[in-house]
Each structure stands twice: as structure tokens, then as C-alpha cells.
């Protein structure tokens, strides 16, 4: 594993990079009131109508193909999280995509829960050889709500002090840590350990290097992401716009601690995919997919109804 540059020395090294965050810049926390109880782990519930609720969505994939499902009320799914690049395009973790099995985005407005199917996914090729290149883009069949807020990937020359940055971490995962190691792709029932509720927490980056596929956040104070939060954004607000620095991929433990029997599996470090490293792929792929969506919409609008009937 490549050694990370810790932030205490980062600013002195930034001038030697081909660009980089530098200088101090105040960052606005998410538009929520802090409470002591509820958590992503150690965080708070995202209030209906808040910015967070318009930025972050529940992303689910079926464990088994539809034809192999038994019973409509108990369909096992992989629970993850996603953020919106556009109203038709979301960003999540590659390991949240379960082969060709259907995926969908789910969100609630008031008392109404809406499900939008995913019609296409693209996983970055780097994921085949780099487990931290854990990125996927998903095209939705229909658009997310009109009031959806989208995220952008920051430019390396933005004046952001990573030492002072409060990274906004949000997701639909568990709010109870566990000493049992669990595979994030194993389905967990909705409502179990708080699963399925959107929560948000502020985290500190503990190590960052531009060329690494990941960066780490400190979760030793009982705050952080956990099972079900995979694919969720690590972001910040700058000039009234939300920027996403990372996608939640997994939690990590120090090499000398092989047993997690006495420590929660989400209580040491969280690893985010470093989106600055993959910025070119994300933006290029997003553009290609957006072009495909526009061509499809144009073709659909111009179709002769009689032609549709014959196919």
C-alpha cells in the first residue's frame, strides 16, 4: 500500500504538486441542525427538504435475478447510496452493482416513496486491477425530482485547506456499529440497525495524496460511514455549490489489528475513492452517457406511433 502524506505536511508539499488545494477557506456545514442522538454512525438524520435530502439517494441492486425471486414482499437487495451528477445520472460504488441484476434509485417526498429503475451502468475499467477504483455511473430511466441538487468534482486549484475542511458524509447505511465483520454486498433488511434512513455527519480527512486511488477519514471518535453507506458522497460546499471529493468504498483497520472482535468494524478509518484522480474518467463518461440520453429522448420523441406498434 502506498504511504499517504498526512495533512500536517500536506500544505508544505502542495507547491511541488501539479496543482492542489491550498490556503484557508471557510466551508459551510450542511443545512441541518445538530442533534446528539441519531447517526450515520454518530451523525444526525437528514431532514426532509434539506439540501442533503436533495443531494443523496438510496441505491439498491437485486441480489438475485427477477426470475429467481420468490414472493413480492421479501426481495433481498444490496443496500447502497448514490449522489446525483445530473437528474438522470448518479454516481455510486462499483461493488454496489450486482452483475446484470436490476438496480434502482429510491427516494421519499413527504409520505410518497418513488422508485426509478436503472437502465444502464458503467464501471470504470481500473476497478479490475485496483480495488479502490470503486466507481460506477448509473443512468436512470426517469429524471429525479426537479429540486434535485447535483454535485461536481472540484478543481485541484480550488483554495481549500484540507486540514480545516469538514467533509460532509451522507448515506442510508446502519447507525449501529458492529464487532462482526460483514460483507457490504450481503443484503441487510431495511430498518435493521437503522438501515434505510438518510443520515449525515461531518468528518476530518486524515490522509490525502493526489495520486492515490483513495483517501482516508478519521472515524475513531465514533462518527463515520458504515454498511449501506457505500457509494455515498464525501463532499463540501463552496460558493453555494456542492463538490464531491470521494465515494465511500470501505472501512479499514490498522495492519497490526487483525481481529475486530473488540472494536466496531466502522470505528477506525473510512476509505473514500479519490475522485480527483478519476476526474477525467467521470466527467468524460458522464458526457458520453448524457449524449446517449439526449439521443434516445430525441429518437423517442420523433418515433411514429404506428412504428412502435409494429415492434
C-alpha atoms as a PDB file:
ATOM      1  CA  UNK A   1       0.000   0.000   0.000  1.00  0.00           C
ATOM      2  CA  UNK A   2       1.405   3.385  -0.998  1.00  0.00           C
ATOM      3  CA  UNK A   3       2.201   5.524   2.017  1.00  0.00           C
ATOM      4  CA  UNK A   4      -0.124   8.506   2.439  1.00  0.00           C
ATOM      5  CA  UNK A   5       1.028  12.060   3.033  1.00  0.00           C
ATOM      6  CA  UNK A   6      -0.616  13.197   6.242  1.00  0.00           C
ATOM      7  CA  UNK A   7      -2.194  16.601   6.264  1.00  0.00           C
ATOM      8  CA  UNK A   8       0.219  18.171   8.722  1.00  0.00           C
ATOM      9  CA  UNK A   9       2.813  18.063   5.979  1.00  0.00           C
ATOM     10  CA  UNK A  10       0.453  18.382   3.025  1.00  0.00           C
ATOM     11  CA  UNK A  11       0.375  22.142   2.726  1.00  0.00           C
ATOM     12  CA  UNK A  12       4.153  22.429   2.679  1.00  0.00           C
ATOM     13  CA  UNK A  13       4.261  19.896  -0.162  1.00  0.00           C
ATOM     14  CA  UNK A  14       1.359  21.273  -2.171  1.00  0.00           C
ATOM     15  CA  UNK A  15       3.523  23.750  -4.055  1.00  0.00           C
ATOM     16  CA  UNK A  16       5.519  20.842  -5.506  1.00  0.00           C
ATOM     17  CA  UNK A  17       2.399  19.211  -6.958  1.00  0.00           C
ATOM     18  CA  UNK A  18       0.930  19.918 -10.393  1.00  0.00           C
ATOM     19  CA  UNK A  19      -1.780  21.868  -8.620  1.00  0.00           C
ATOM     20  CA  UNK A  20      -3.533  21.259  -5.335  1.00  0.00           C
ATOM     21  CA  UNK A  21      -5.816  22.552  -2.610  1.00  0.00           C
ATOM     22  CA  UNK A  22      -4.178  25.333  -0.650  1.00  0.00           C
ATOM     23  CA  UNK A  23      -4.838  28.259   1.685  1.00  0.00           C
ATOM     24  CA  UNK A  24      -7.699  28.612   4.142  1.00  0.00           C
ATOM     25  CA  UNK A  25     -11.314  28.803   3.042  1.00  0.00           C
ATOM     26  CA  UNK A  26     -14.304  28.602   5.319  1.00  0.00           C
ATOM     27  CA  UNK A  27     -16.663  25.808   4.364  1.00  0.00           C
ATOM     28  CA  UNK A  28     -20.332  25.909   5.239  1.00  0.00           C
ATOM     29  CA  UNK A  29     -21.665  22.822   7.048  1.00  0.00           C
ATOM     30  CA  UNK A  30     -24.787  21.095   5.714  1.00  0.00           C
ATOM     31  CA  UNK A  31     -28.109  22.850   6.278  1.00  0.00           C
ATOM     32  CA  UNK A  32     -29.129  20.758   9.265  1.00  0.00           C
ATOM     33  CA  UNK A  33     -29.454  21.357  12.982  1.00  0.00           C
ATOM     34  CA  UNK A  34     -27.141  19.154  15.015  1.00  0.00           C
ATOM     35  CA  UNK A  35     -28.642  16.579  17.363  1.00  0.00           C
ATOM     36  CA  UNK A  36     -26.874  14.248  19.737  1.00  0.00           C
ATOM     37  CA  UNK A  37     -28.682  11.004  19.071  1.00  0.00           C
ATOM     38  CA  UNK A  38     -29.256   9.669  15.580  1.00  0.00           C
ATOM     39  CA  UNK A  39     -26.355   8.753  13.342  1.00  0.00           C
ATOM     40  CA  UNK A  40     -24.929   7.555  10.048  1.00  0.00           C
ATOM     41  CA  UNK A  41     -22.724   6.487  12.921  1.00  0.00           C
ATOM     42  CA  UNK A  42     -22.536   9.375  15.336  1.00  0.00           C
ATOM     43  CA  UNK A  43     -24.302  11.797  12.998  1.00  0.00           C
ATOM     44  CA  UNK A  44     -27.835  13.064  12.510  1.00  0.00           C
ATOM     45  CA  UNK A  45     -30.949  12.397  10.463  1.00  0.00           C
ATOM     46  CA  UNK A  46     -31.219  14.433   7.264  1.00  0.00           C
ATOM     47  CA  UNK A  47     -34.388  16.487   7.470  1.00  0.00           C
ATOM     48  CA  UNK A  48     -36.983  16.314   4.699  1.00  0.00           C
ATOM     49  CA  UNK A  49     -36.481  19.185   2.262  1.00  0.00           C
ATOM     50  CA  UNK A  50     -32.890  19.814   3.354  1.00  0.00           C
ATOM     51  CA  UNK A  51     -30.033  20.131   0.882  1.00  0.00           C
ATOM     52  CA  UNK A  52     -28.765  16.700   1.903  1.00  0.00           C
ATOM     53  CA  UNK A  53     -32.108  15.070   1.078  1.00  0.00           C
ATOM     54  CA  UNK A  54     -31.903  16.599  -2.419  1.00  0.00           C
ATOM     55  CA  UNK A  55     -28.286  15.534  -2.978  1.00  0.00           C
ATOM     56  CA  UNK A  56     -28.149  11.927  -1.782  1.00  0.00           C
ATOM     57  CA  UNK A  57     -30.301   8.949  -2.804  1.00  0.00           C
ATOM     58  CA  UNK A  58     -30.750   5.315  -1.825  1.00  0.00           C
ATOM     59  CA  UNK A  59     -29.260   2.948  -4.426  1.00  0.00           C
ATOM     60  CA  UNK A  60     -30.290  -0.705  -4.439  1.00  0.00           C
ATOM     61  CA  UNK A  61     -29.460  -3.772  -6.538  1.00  0.00           C
ATOM     62  CA  UNK A  62     -31.287  -7.079  -6.544  1.00  0.00           C
ATOM     63  CA  UNK A  63     -29.335  -9.981  -5.067  1.00  0.00           C
ATOM     64  CA  UNK A  64     -30.945 -12.451  -7.465  1.00  0.00           C
ATOM     65  CA  UNK A  65     -32.359 -12.040 -10.980  1.00  0.00           C
ATOM     66  CA  UNK A  66     -36.065 -11.210 -11.120  1.00  0.00           C
ATOM     67  CA  UNK A  67     -36.982 -14.628 -12.494  1.00  0.00           C
ATOM     68  CA  UNK A  68     -35.428 -16.262  -9.419  1.00  0.00           C
ATOM     69  CA  UNK A  69     -37.327 -14.156  -6.876  1.00  0.00           C
ATOM     70  CA  UNK A  70     -39.868 -15.819  -4.617  1.00  0.00           C
ATOM     71  CA  UNK A  71     -42.526 -13.633  -3.018  1.00  0.00           C
ATOM     72  CA  UNK A  72     -43.058  -9.971  -3.824  1.00  0.00           C
ATOM     73  CA  UNK A  73     -42.777  -8.785  -0.223  1.00  0.00           C
ATOM     74  CA  UNK A  74     -39.353 -10.207   0.588  1.00  0.00           C
ATOM     75  CA  UNK A  75     -36.991  -9.438  -2.285  1.00  0.00           C
ATOM     76  CA  UNK A  76     -33.397  -9.274  -0.976  1.00  0.00           C
ATOM     77  CA  UNK A  77     -31.404  -6.270  -2.157  1.00  0.00           C
ATOM     78  CA  UNK A  78     -27.938  -4.823  -1.735  1.00  0.00           C
ATOM     79  CA  UNK A  79     -28.296  -1.501   0.067  1.00  0.00           C
ATOM     80  CA  UNK A  80     -26.059   1.369  -1.037  1.00  0.00           C
ATOM     81  CA  UNK A  81     -26.085   5.124  -1.560  1.00  0.00           C
ATOM     82  CA  UNK A  82     -25.588   7.448  -4.543  1.00  0.00           C
ATOM     83  CA  UNK A  83     -25.327  11.131  -5.417  1.00  0.00           C
ATOM     84  CA  UNK A  84     -26.643  12.916  -8.490  1.00  0.00           C
ATOM     85  CA  UNK A  85     -24.367  14.256 -11.219  1.00  0.00           C
ATOM     86  CA  UNK A  86     -27.490  15.144 -13.208  1.00  0.00           C
ATOM     87  CA  UNK A  87     -31.177  14.318 -12.773  1.00  0.00           C
ATOM     88  CA  UNK A  88     -30.684  11.220 -14.954  1.00  0.00           C
ATOM     89  CA  UNK A  89     -27.167  10.219 -13.914  1.00  0.00           C
ATOM     90  CA  UNK A  90     -25.950   9.082 -10.481  1.00  0.00           C
ATOM     91  CA  UNK A  91     -22.541   8.195  -9.079  1.00  0.00           C
ATOM     92  CA  UNK A  92     -22.064   5.221  -6.747  1.00  0.00           C
ATOM     93  CA  UNK A  93     -19.588   2.466  -5.841  1.00  0.00           C
ATOM     94  CA  UNK A  94     -18.788  -0.276  -8.368  1.00  0.00           C
ATOM     95  CA  UNK A  95     -19.315  -3.002  -5.773  1.00  0.00           C
ATOM     96  CA  UNK A  96     -22.928  -1.851  -5.422  1.00  0.00           C
ATOM     97  CA  UNK A  97     -23.624  -3.082  -8.968  1.00  0.00           C
ATOM     98  CA  UNK A  98     -24.572  -6.774  -8.909  1.00  0.00           C
ATOM     99  CA  UNK A  99     -23.773  -8.003 -12.407  1.00  0.00           C
ATOM    100  CA  UNK A 100     -26.759  -7.715 -14.743  1.00  0.00           C
ATOM    101  CA  UNK A 101     -29.283  -7.827 -11.915  1.00  0.00           C
ATOM    102  CA  UNK A 102     -31.630  -4.827 -11.828  1.00  0.00           C
ATOM    103  CA  UNK A 103     -30.680  -1.732  -9.833  1.00  0.00           C
ATOM    104  CA  UNK A 104     -32.793   1.253  -8.887  1.00  0.00           C
ATOM    105  CA  UNK A 105     -32.785   4.554  -7.011  1.00  0.00           C
ATOM    106  CA  UNK A 106     -35.324   5.143  -4.256  1.00  0.00           C
ATOM    107  CA  UNK A 107     -36.314   8.402  -2.565  1.00  0.00           C
ATOM    108  CA  UNK A 108     -39.145   9.733  -0.420  1.00  0.00           C
ATOM    109  CA  UNK A 109     -41.018  13.009  -0.771  1.00  0.00           C
ATOM    110  CA  UNK A 110     -43.452  13.567   2.062  1.00  0.00           C
ATOM    111  CA  UNK A 111     -45.223  10.238   2.502  1.00  0.00           C
ATOM    112  CA  UNK A 112     -44.630   9.065  -1.067  1.00  0.00           C
ATOM    113  CA  UNK A 113     -41.698   6.770  -1.902  1.00  0.00           C
ATOM    114  CA  UNK A 114     -40.629   6.724  -5.549  1.00  0.00           C
ATOM    115  CA  UNK A 115     -38.530   4.089  -7.302  1.00  0.00           C
ATOM    116  CA  UNK A 116     -36.663   4.820 -10.541  1.00  0.00           C
ATOM    117  CA  UNK A 117     -35.092   1.856 -12.386  1.00  0.00           C
ATOM    118  CA  UNK A 118     -31.506   1.971 -13.640  1.00  0.00           C
ATOM    119  CA  UNK A 119     -31.303   1.288 -17.382  1.00  0.00           C
ATOM    120  CA  UNK A 120     -27.518   1.292 -17.812  1.00  0.00           C
ATOM    121  CA  UNK A 121     -24.409   1.143 -15.637  1.00  0.00           C
ATOM    122  CA  UNK A 122     -20.749   1.780 -16.434  1.00  0.00           C
ATOM    123  CA  UNK A 123     -17.967   0.582 -14.115  1.00  0.00           C
ATOM    124  CA  UNK A 124     -14.506   2.090 -14.502  1.00  0.00           C
ATOM    125  CA  UNK A 125     -12.005  -0.364 -16.026  1.00  0.00           C
ATOM    126  CA  UNK A 126      -9.449   0.426 -13.307  1.00  0.00           C
ATOM    127  CA  UNK A 127     -11.626  -1.452 -10.816  1.00  0.00           C
ATOM    128  CA  UNK A 128     -10.496  -4.748 -12.365  1.00  0.00           C
ATOM    129  CA  UNK A 129      -6.975  -4.197 -11.001  1.00  0.00           C
ATOM    130  CA  UNK A 130      -7.456  -1.572  -8.266  1.00  0.00           C
ATOM    131  CA  UNK A 131      -9.996  -2.291  -5.516  1.00  0.00           C
ATOM    132  CA  UNK A 132     -10.034   1.399  -4.557  1.00  0.00           C
ATOM    133  CA  UNK A 133     -11.109   2.479  -8.053  1.00  0.00           C
ATOM    134  CA  UNK A 134     -14.572   1.576  -6.800  1.00  0.00           C
ATOM    135  CA  UNK A 135     -16.640   3.752  -9.154  1.00  0.00           C
ATOM    136  CA  UNK A 136     -19.739   3.310 -11.279  1.00  0.00           C
ATOM    137  CA  UNK A 137     -22.132   5.606 -13.113  1.00  0.00           C
ATOM    138  CA  UNK A 138     -25.801   4.678 -13.487  1.00  0.00           C
ATOM    139  CA  UNK A 139     -28.338   6.032 -15.970  1.00  0.00           C
ATOM    140  CA  UNK A 140     -31.886   6.325 -14.624  1.00  0.00           C
ATOM    141  CA  UNK A 141     -34.990   5.537 -16.664  1.00  0.00           C
ATOM    142  CA  UNK A 142     -36.686   8.735 -15.497  1.00  0.00           C
ATOM    143  CA  UNK A 143     -35.486  12.021 -14.055  1.00  0.00           C
ATOM    144  CA  UNK A 144     -35.012  12.688 -10.369  1.00  0.00           C
ATOM    145  CA  UNK A 145     -37.217  15.449  -8.860  1.00  0.00           C
ATOM    146  CA  UNK A 146     -36.894  18.972 -10.241  1.00  0.00           C
ATOM    147  CA  UNK A 147     -35.500  20.255  -6.945  1.00  0.00           C
ATOM    148  CA  UNK A 148     -32.621  17.718  -7.019  1.00  0.00           C
ATOM    149  CA  UNK A 149     -29.229  19.246  -6.221  1.00  0.00           C
ATOM    150  CA  UNK A 150     -26.285  17.929  -8.189  1.00  0.00           C
ATOM    151  CA  UNK A 151     -22.639  17.506  -7.214  1.00  0.00           C
ATOM    152  CA  UNK A 152     -19.496  18.431  -9.162  1.00  0.00           C
ATOM    153  CA  UNK A 153     -15.919  17.242  -8.832  1.00  0.00           C
ATOM    154  CA  UNK A 154     -13.659  20.041  -7.550  1.00  0.00           C
ATOM    155  CA  UNK A 155     -10.743  21.502  -9.463  1.00  0.00           C
ATOM    156  CA  UNK A 156      -7.326  20.813  -7.891  1.00  0.00           C
ATOM    157  CA  UNK A 157      -6.524  24.548  -7.787  1.00  0.00           C
ATOM    158  CA  UNK A 158      -9.511  25.494  -5.610  1.00  0.00           C
ATOM    159  CA  UNK A 159      -8.428  27.345  -2.477  1.00  0.00           C
ATOM    160  CA  UNK A 160      -9.452  24.762   0.109  1.00  0.00           C
ATOM    161  CA  UNK A 161      -7.472  23.957   3.253  1.00  0.00           C
ATOM    162  CA  UNK A 162      -7.805  20.197   3.733  1.00  0.00           C
ATOM    163  CA  UNK A 163      -6.677  20.488   7.351  1.00  0.00           C
ATOM    164  CA  UNK A 164      -9.697  22.619   8.188  1.00  0.00           C
ATOM    165  CA  UNK A 165     -12.202  21.044   5.830  1.00  0.00           C
ATOM    166  CA  UNK A 166     -15.341  19.477   7.312  1.00  0.00           C
ATOM    167  CA  UNK A 167     -16.168  16.710   4.859  1.00  0.00           C
ATOM    168  CA  UNK A 168     -19.911  16.098   4.633  1.00  0.00           C
ATOM    169  CA  UNK A 169     -20.540  12.346   4.685  1.00  0.00           C
ATOM    170  CA  UNK A 170     -24.079  11.124   3.964  1.00  0.00           C
ATOM    171  CA  UNK A 171     -25.727   7.783   3.370  1.00  0.00           C
ATOM    172  CA  UNK A 172     -28.571   5.355   4.014  1.00  0.00           C
ATOM    173  CA  UNK A 173     -26.486   2.855   5.990  1.00  0.00           C
ATOM    174  CA  UNK A 174     -26.516   1.472   9.506  1.00  0.00           C
ATOM    175  CA  UNK A 175     -26.387   3.748  12.543  1.00  0.00           C
ATOM    176  CA  UNK A 176     -25.151   0.980  14.862  1.00  0.00           C
ATOM    177  CA  UNK A 177     -21.568  -0.254  14.632  1.00  0.00           C
ATOM    178  CA  UNK A 178     -20.804  -3.949  14.941  1.00  0.00           C
ATOM    179  CA  UNK A 179     -17.858  -6.069  16.031  1.00  0.00           C
ATOM    180  CA  UNK A 180     -18.821  -8.624  13.393  1.00  0.00           C
ATOM    181  CA  UNK A 181     -17.160  -8.211  10.025  1.00  0.00           C
ATOM    182  CA  UNK A 182     -19.840  -8.085   7.347  1.00  0.00           C
ATOM    183  CA  UNK A 183     -19.606  -8.127   3.584  1.00  0.00           C
ATOM    184  CA  UNK A 184     -21.260  -4.963   2.273  1.00  0.00           C
ATOM    185  CA  UNK A 185     -22.723  -6.915  -0.631  1.00  0.00           C
ATOM    186  CA  UNK A 186     -24.653  -9.178   1.740  1.00  0.00           C
ATOM    187  CA  UNK A 187     -28.240  -7.898   1.957  1.00  0.00           C
ATOM    188  CA  UNK A 188     -29.478  -6.423   5.209  1.00  0.00           C
ATOM    189  CA  UNK A 189     -33.157  -5.943   5.966  1.00  0.00           C
ATOM    190  CA  UNK A 190     -34.481  -2.381   5.788  1.00  0.00           C
ATOM    191  CA  UNK A 191     -34.774  -0.904   9.244  1.00  0.00           C
ATOM    192  CA  UNK A 192     -32.179  -3.272  10.711  1.00  0.00           C
ATOM    193  CA  UNK A 193     -29.701  -1.233  12.805  1.00  0.00           C
ATOM    194  CA  UNK A 194     -31.132   1.951  11.308  1.00  0.00           C
ATOM    195  CA  UNK A 195     -30.611   0.899   7.683  1.00  0.00           C
ATOM    196  CA  UNK A 196     -32.581   2.894   5.104  1.00  0.00           C
ATOM    197  CA  UNK A 197     -32.644   6.294   6.802  1.00  0.00           C
ATOM    198  CA  UNK A 198     -30.593   9.140   5.297  1.00  0.00           C
ATOM    199  CA  UNK A 199     -28.082  10.490   7.804  1.00  0.00           C
ATOM    200  CA  UNK A 200     -25.215  12.947   7.668  1.00  0.00           C
ATOM    201  CA  UNK A 201     -22.033  13.555   9.651  1.00  0.00           C
ATOM    202  CA  UNK A 202     -19.005  15.846   9.386  1.00  0.00           C
ATOM    203  CA  UNK A 203     -15.624  14.087   9.129  1.00  0.00           C
ATOM    204  CA  UNK A 204     -11.966  15.084   9.043  1.00  0.00           C
ATOM    205  CA  UNK A 205      -9.611  13.861   6.335  1.00  0.00           C
ATOM    206  CA  UNK A 206      -6.725  12.009   7.986  1.00  0.00           C
ATOM    207  CA  UNK A 207      -4.540  11.358   4.953  1.00  0.00           C
ATOM    208  CA  UNK A 208      -4.558  12.531   1.347  1.00  0.00           C
ATOM    209  CA  UNK A 209      -2.334  12.310  -1.714  1.00  0.00           C
ATOM    210  CA  UNK A 210      -3.454  13.328  -5.190  1.00  0.00           C
ATOM    211  CA  UNK A 211      -2.068  10.255  -6.950  1.00  0.00           C
ATOM    212  CA  UNK A 212      -3.641   7.725  -4.575  1.00  0.00           C
ATOM    213  CA  UNK A 213      -6.862   5.972  -5.576  1.00  0.00           C
ATOM    214  CA  UNK A 214      -8.257   6.571  -2.102  1.00  0.00           C
ATOM    215  CA  UNK A 215      -8.093   8.992   0.789  1.00  0.00           C
ATOM    216  CA  UNK A 216      -8.887   8.289   4.437  1.00  0.00           C
ATOM    217  CA  UNK A 217     -11.173   9.875   7.000  1.00  0.00           C
ATOM    218  CA  UNK A 218     -10.878   9.526  10.764  1.00  0.00           C
ATOM    219  CA  UNK A 219     -13.700   7.505  12.362  1.00  0.00           C
ATOM    220  CA  UNK A 220     -12.072   6.816  15.727  1.00  0.00           C
ATOM    221  CA  UNK A 221     -14.360   9.271  17.536  1.00  0.00           C
ATOM    222  CA  UNK A 222     -17.459   7.175  16.827  1.00  0.00           C
ATOM    223  CA  UNK A 223     -18.517   9.083  13.722  1.00  0.00           C
ATOM    224  CA  UNK A 224     -18.383   7.839  10.145  1.00  0.00           C
ATOM    225  CA  UNK A 225     -19.921   5.710   7.431  1.00  0.00           C
ATOM    226  CA  UNK A 226     -20.731   2.005   7.651  1.00  0.00           C
ATOM    227  CA  UNK A 227     -22.559  -0.831   5.871  1.00  0.00           C
ATOM    228  CA  UNK A 228     -25.147   0.566   3.456  1.00  0.00           C
ATOM    229  CA  UNK A 229     -23.352   3.900   3.059  1.00  0.00           C
ATOM    230  CA  UNK A 230     -21.145   2.565   0.243  1.00  0.00           C
ATOM    231  CA  UNK A 231     -21.380   4.758  -2.846  1.00  0.00           C
ATOM    232  CA  UNK A 232     -22.330   7.752  -0.751  1.00  0.00           C
ATOM    233  CA  UNK A 233     -20.602  11.108  -1.230  1.00  0.00           C
ATOM    234  CA  UNK A 234     -17.891  12.785   0.795  1.00  0.00           C
ATOM    235  CA  UNK A 235     -18.454  16.411  -0.171  1.00  0.00           C
ATOM    236  CA  UNK A 236     -18.174  20.057   0.795  1.00  0.00           C
ATOM    237  CA  UNK A 237     -19.993  23.295  -0.012  1.00  0.00           C
ATOM    238  CA  UNK A 238     -18.101  26.110  -1.723  1.00  0.00           C
ATOM    239  CA  UNK A 239     -19.622  29.309  -3.121  1.00  0.00           C
ATOM    240  CA  UNK A 240     -23.146  27.864  -2.695  1.00  0.00           C
ATOM    241  CA  UNK A 241     -22.331  24.771  -4.730  1.00  0.00           C
ATOM    242  CA  UNK A 242     -21.676  21.187  -3.606  1.00  0.00           C
ATOM    243  CA  UNK A 243     -18.476  19.441  -4.625  1.00  0.00           C
ATOM    244  CA  UNK A 244     -17.823  15.726  -4.169  1.00  0.00           C
ATOM    245  CA  UNK A 245     -14.292  14.650  -3.241  1.00  0.00           C
ATOM    246  CA  UNK A 246     -14.932  10.983  -2.646  1.00  0.00           C
ATOM    247  CA  UNK A 247     -17.249   7.989  -2.908  1.00  0.00           C
ATOM    248  CA  UNK A 248     -17.476   5.774   0.185  1.00  0.00           C
ATOM    249  CA  UNK A 249     -15.911   2.391  -0.549  1.00  0.00           C
ATOM    250  CA  UNK A 250     -14.945   0.574   2.680  1.00  0.00           C
ATOM    251  CA  UNK A 251     -13.732   0.857   6.253  1.00  0.00           C
ATOM    252  CA  UNK A 252     -10.170  -0.027   7.228  1.00  0.00           C
ATOM    253  CA  UNK A 253      -8.198  -1.172  10.272  1.00  0.00           C
ATOM    254  CA  UNK A 254      -4.514  -0.817  11.170  1.00  0.00           C
ATOM    255  CA  UNK A 255      -2.386  -3.668   9.844  1.00  0.00           C
ATOM    256  CA  UNK A 256      -1.444  -4.840  13.331  1.00  0.00           C
ATOM    257  CA  UNK A 257      -5.098  -5.253  14.301  1.00  0.00           C
ATOM    258  CA  UNK A 258      -6.197  -8.389  12.503  1.00  0.00           C
ATOM    259  CA  UNK A 259      -9.092  -9.086  14.876  1.00  0.00           C
ATOM    260  CA  UNK A 260     -12.108  -6.776  15.061  1.00  0.00           C
ATOM    261  CA  UNK A 261     -13.710  -8.673  17.931  1.00  0.00           C
ATOM    262  CA  UNK A 262     -13.293  -5.825  20.413  1.00  0.00           C
ATOM    263  CA  UNK A 263     -13.684  -2.847  18.074  1.00  0.00           C
ATOM    264  CA  UNK A 264     -16.541  -1.863  15.798  1.00  0.00           C
ATOM    265  CA  UNK A 265     -15.851  -2.530  12.133  1.00  0.00           C
ATOM    266  CA  UNK A 266     -16.597   1.101  11.277  1.00  0.00           C
ATOM    267  CA  UNK A 267     -14.609   2.741  14.071  1.00  0.00           C
ATOM    268  CA  UNK A 268     -11.100   3.301  12.738  1.00  0.00           C
ATOM    269  CA  UNK A 269     -10.728   4.731   9.230  1.00  0.00           C
ATOM    270  CA  UNK A 270     -13.105   5.156   6.321  1.00  0.00           C
ATOM    271  CA  UNK A 271     -11.738   4.938   2.775  1.00  0.00           C
ATOM    272  CA  UNK A 272     -13.156   7.145   0.040  1.00  0.00           C
ATOM    273  CA  UNK A 273     -12.396   6.772  -3.661  1.00  0.00           C
ATOM    274  CA  UNK A 274     -10.283   9.804  -4.594  1.00  0.00           C
ATOM    275  CA  UNK A 275     -12.380  11.428  -7.324  1.00  0.00           C
ATOM    276  CA  UNK A 276      -9.709  13.946  -8.291  1.00  0.00           C
ATOM    277  CA  UNK A 277      -7.614  11.035  -9.546  1.00  0.00           C
ATOM    278  CA  UNK A 278     -10.523   9.764 -11.644  1.00  0.00           C
ATOM    279  CA  UNK A 279     -11.988  13.153 -12.558  1.00  0.00           C
ATOM    280  CA  UNK A 280     -11.243  12.796 -16.281  1.00  0.00           C
ATOM    281  CA  UNK A 281     -12.957   9.384 -16.497  1.00  0.00           C
ATOM    282  CA  UNK A 282     -16.017  10.504 -14.542  1.00  0.00           C
ATOM    283  CA  UNK A 283     -16.568  13.697 -16.495  1.00  0.00           C
ATOM    284  CA  UNK A 284     -15.848  12.054 -19.860  1.00  0.00           C
ATOM    285  CA  UNK A 285     -18.130   9.096 -19.175  1.00  0.00           C
ATOM    286  CA  UNK A 286     -20.847  11.366 -17.798  1.00  0.00           C
ATOM    287  CA  UNK A 287     -20.735  13.430 -21.001  1.00  0.00           C
ATOM    288  CA  UNK A 288     -20.961  10.315 -23.195  1.00  0.00           C
ATOM    289  CA  UNK A 289     -23.906   8.967 -21.201  1.00  0.00           C
ATOM    290  CA  UNK A 290     -25.670  12.335 -21.256  1.00  0.00           C
ATOM    291  CA  UNK A 291     -25.262  12.443 -25.033  1.00  0.00           C
ATOM    292  CA  UNK A 292     -26.777   8.946 -25.241  1.00  0.00           C
ATOM    293  CA  UNK A 293     -29.724  10.045 -23.097  1.00  0.00           C
ATOM    294  CA  UNK A 294     -30.365  13.065 -25.322  1.00  0.00           C
ATOM    295  CA  UNK A 295     -30.191  10.968 -28.495  1.00  0.00           C
ATOM    296  CA  UNK A 296     -32.581   8.409 -27.025  1.00  0.00           C
ATOM    297  CA  UNK A 297     -35.028  11.106 -25.956  1.00  0.00           C
ATOM    298  CA  UNK A 298     -34.864  12.730 -29.393  1.00  0.00           C
ATOM    299  CA  UNK A 299     -35.412   9.378 -31.137  1.00  0.00           C
ATOM    300  CA  UNK A 300     -38.340   8.557 -28.862  1.00  0.00           C
ATOM    301  CA  UNK A 301     -39.947  11.959 -29.458  1.00  0.00           C
ATOM    302  CA  UNK A 302     -39.689  11.535 -33.250  1.00  0.00           C
ATOM    303  CA  UNK A 303     -40.999   7.970 -33.430  1.00  0.00           C
ATOM    304  CA  UNK A 304     -44.146   7.291 -35.413  1.00  0.00           C
ATOM    305  CA  UNK A 305     -46.728   5.656 -33.086  1.00  0.00           C
ATOM    306  CA  UNK A 306     -47.560   3.114 -35.810  1.00  0.00           C
ATOM    307  CA  UNK A 307     -43.893   2.139 -35.971  1.00  0.00           C
ATOM    308  CA  UNK A 308     -43.896   1.489 -32.219  1.00  0.00           C
ATOM    309  CA  UNK A 309     -46.880  -0.817 -32.563  1.00  0.00           C
ATOM    310  CA  UNK A 310     -45.058  -2.915 -35.134  1.00  0.00           C
ATOM    311  CA  UNK A 311     -42.129  -3.569 -32.804  1.00  0.00           C
END
